[in-house]
C-alpha atoms as a PDB file:
ATOM      1  CA  MET A   1       9.892 -10.017 -59.704  1.00  0.00           C
ATOM      2  CA  TRP A   2       6.387  -9.517 -58.289  1.00  0.00           C
ATOM      3  CA  GLN A   3       6.162 -13.209 -57.511  1.00  0.00           C
ATOM      4  CA  SER A   4       9.258 -13.093 -55.306  1.00  0.00           C
ATOM      5  CA  VAL A   5       7.968  -9.987 -53.469  1.00  0.00           C
ATOM      6  CA  GLY A   6       4.573 -11.645 -52.953  1.00  0.00           C
ATOM      7  CA  LEU A   7       6.210 -14.840 -51.742  1.00  0.00           C
ATOM      8  CA  THR A   8       8.411 -12.861 -49.336  1.00  0.00           C
ATOM      9  CA  LEU A   9       5.382 -11.022 -47.916  1.00  0.00           C
ATOM     10  CA  LEU A  10       3.487 -14.309 -47.593  1.00  0.00           C
ATOM     11  CA  VAL A  11       6.372 -15.871 -45.662  1.00  0.00           C
ATOM     12  CA  ILE A  12       6.624 -12.858 -43.340  1.00  0.00           C
ATOM     13  CA  VAL A  13       2.870 -12.798 -42.651  1.00  0.00           C
ATOM     14  CA  ALA A  14       2.762 -16.585 -42.126  1.00  0.00           C
ATOM     15  CA  THR A  15       5.690 -16.365 -39.712  1.00  0.00           C
ATOM     16  CA  LEU A  16       3.994 -13.604 -37.718  1.00  0.00           C
ATOM     17  CA  VAL A  17       0.711 -15.540 -37.595  1.00  0.00           C
ATOM     18  CA  CYS A  18       2.490 -18.697 -36.414  1.00  0.00           C
ATOM     19  CA  ALA A  19       4.382 -16.761 -33.743  1.00  0.00           C
ATOM     20  CA  LEU A  20       1.168 -15.111 -32.536  1.00  0.00           C
ATOM     21  CA  LEU A  21      -0.663 -18.442 -32.384  1.00  0.00           C
ATOM     22  CA  PHE A  22       2.232 -20.004 -30.489  1.00  0.00           C
ATOM     23  CA  MET A  23       2.217 -17.133 -27.970  1.00  0.00           C
ATOM     24  CA  LEU A  24      -1.553 -17.330 -27.488  1.00  0.00           C
ATOM     25  CA  PHE A  25      -1.416 -21.083 -26.977  1.00  0.00           C
ATOM     26  CA  GLY A  26       1.438 -20.695 -24.485  1.00  0.00           C
ATOM     27  CA  TRP A  27      -0.471 -18.014 -22.558  1.00  0.00           C
ATOM     28  CA  TYR A  28      -3.562 -20.232 -22.422  1.00  0.00           C
ATOM     29  CA  VAL A  29      -1.599 -23.211 -21.091  1.00  0.00           C
ATOM     30  CA  VAL A  30       0.236 -21.135 -18.474  1.00  0.00           C
ATOM     31  CA  TRP A  31      -3.045 -19.472 -17.442  1.00  0.00           C
ATOM     32  CA  GLN A  32      -4.848 -22.777 -17.024  1.00  0.00           C
ATOM     33  CA  LEU A  33      -2.025 -24.485 -15.147  1.00  0.00           C
ATOM     34  CA  PHE A  34      -0.675 -21.684 -12.956  1.00  0.00           C
ATOM     35  CA  LEU A  35      -1.806 -18.085 -13.260  1.00  0.00           C
ATOM     36  CA  SER A  36      -5.546 -18.609 -12.774  1.00  0.00           C
ATOM     37  CA  LYS A  37      -4.854 -19.723  -9.202  1.00  0.00           C
ATOM     38  CA  PHE A  38      -3.982 -16.148  -8.170  1.00  0.00           C
ATOM     39  CA  LYS A  39      -7.027 -14.096  -7.246  1.00  0.00           C
ATOM     40  CA  PHE A  40      -5.407 -10.718  -7.917  1.00  0.00           C
ATOM     41  CA  LEU A  41      -4.519 -11.740 -11.493  1.00  0.00           C
ATOM     42  CA  ARG A  42      -8.089 -12.869 -12.117  1.00  0.00           C
ATOM     43  CA  GLU A  43      -9.331  -9.521 -10.795  1.00  0.00           C
ATOM     44  CA  LEU A  44      -6.844  -7.581 -12.924  1.00  0.00           C
ATOM     45  CA  LEU A  45      -7.952  -9.357 -16.071  1.00  0.00           C
ATOM     46  CA  GLY A  46     -11.636  -9.247 -15.163  1.00  0.00           C
ATOM     47  CA  ASP A  47     -12.102 -13.009 -15.128  1.00  0.00           C
ATOM     48  CA  ALA A  48     -15.436 -13.647 -13.394  1.00  0.00           C
ATOM     49  CA  SER A  49     -15.071 -17.422 -13.235  1.00  0.00           C
ATOM     50  CA  THR A  50     -13.635 -19.009 -10.119  1.00  0.00           C
ATOM     51  CA  PRO A  51     -11.184 -21.908 -10.024  1.00  0.00           C
ATOM     52  CA  PRO A  52     -12.561 -25.306  -8.941  1.00  0.00           C
ATOM     53  CA  ALA A  53     -10.972 -25.048  -5.492  1.00  0.00           C
ATOM     54  CA  GLU A  54     -13.191 -22.094  -4.558  1.00  0.00           C
ATOM     55  CA  MET A  55     -16.447 -23.444  -5.943  1.00  0.00           C
ATOM     56  CA  GLN A  56     -17.553 -25.256  -2.771  1.00  0.00           C
ATOM     57  CA  PRO A  57     -20.397 -23.156  -1.298  1.00  0.00           C
ATOM     58  CA  SER A  58     -20.988 -25.580   1.579  1.00  0.00           C
ATOM     59  CA  GLU A  59     -18.218 -24.069   3.719  1.00  0.00           C
ATOM     60  CA  THR A  60     -18.371 -20.556   5.036  1.00  0.00           C
ATOM     61  CA  LYS A  61     -15.271 -18.442   5.388  1.00  0.00           C
ATOM     62  CA  SER A  62     -15.217 -18.839   9.159  1.00  0.00           C
ATOM     63  CA  GLU A  63     -15.368 -22.616   8.842  1.00  0.00           C
ATOM     64  CA  ARG A  64     -12.428 -22.613   6.436  1.00  0.00           C
ATOM     65  CA  THR A  65     -10.316 -20.455   8.724  1.00  0.00           C
ATOM     66  CA  ALA A  66     -11.260 -22.583  11.732  1.00  0.00           C
ATOM     67  CA  ASN A  67      -9.966 -25.723   9.989  1.00  0.00           C
ATOM     68  CA  VAL A  68      -6.607 -24.194   9.034  1.00  0.00           C
ATOM     69  CA  PRO A  69      -3.868 -25.418  11.371  1.00  0.00           C
ATOM     70  CA  THR A  70      -1.720 -22.746  12.941  1.00  0.00           C
ATOM     71  CA  ARG A  71       2.027 -22.826  12.460  1.00  0.00           C
ATOM     72  CA  SER A  72       2.910 -21.807  15.977  1.00  0.00           C
ATOM     73  CA  ARG A  73       4.569 -23.902  18.616  1.00  0.00           C
ATOM     74  CA  PRO A  74       2.297 -25.817  20.967  1.00  0.00           C
ATOM     75  CA  ARG A  75       1.684 -23.929  24.172  1.00  0.00           C
ATOM     76  CA  THR A  76       2.787 -25.200  27.534  1.00  0.00           C
ATOM     77  CA  ALA A  77       0.381 -25.606  30.437  1.00  0.00           C
ATOM     78  CA  ARG A  78       1.353 -22.167  31.789  1.00  0.00           C
ATOM     79  CA  GLN A  79       0.652 -20.445  28.472  1.00  0.00           C
ATOM     80  CA  ARG A  80      -2.743 -21.997  27.873  1.00  0.00           C
ATOM     81  CA  VAL A  81      -5.750 -19.855  28.569  1.00  0.00           C
ATOM     82  CA  ALA A  82      -8.220 -21.344  31.006  1.00  0.00           C
ATOM     83  CA  PHE A  83     -11.797 -20.716  29.906  1.00  0.00           C
ATOM     84  CA  PRO A  84     -14.305 -20.340  32.745  1.00  0.00           C
ATOM     85  CA  GLU A  85     -16.869 -23.091  32.757  1.00  0.00           C
ATOM     86  CA  SER A  86     -20.456 -22.011  32.704  1.00  0.00           C
ATOM     87  CA  THR A  87     -22.429 -22.940  35.815  1.00  0.00           C
ATOM     88  CA  SER A  88     -25.947 -23.429  34.634  1.00  0.00           C
END
């Protein structure tokens, strides 16, 4: 009798451990492939490491925003702003 109860408890505990390990492994894979790309999720979880895409210190923020193409329509000659040329 005690052997069957012990075996039942062992099976239940082993099942719970396997399920927990499977969930942890799944979370790790999803975090590495997808969720770590979102800055707000990294801040919520307190992850201090940065993803490889943000590790380039050579560019400043203004340089990155200057290189980003705008998604607006090209302006016609009338809409373009004429900058005054410096006379020096």
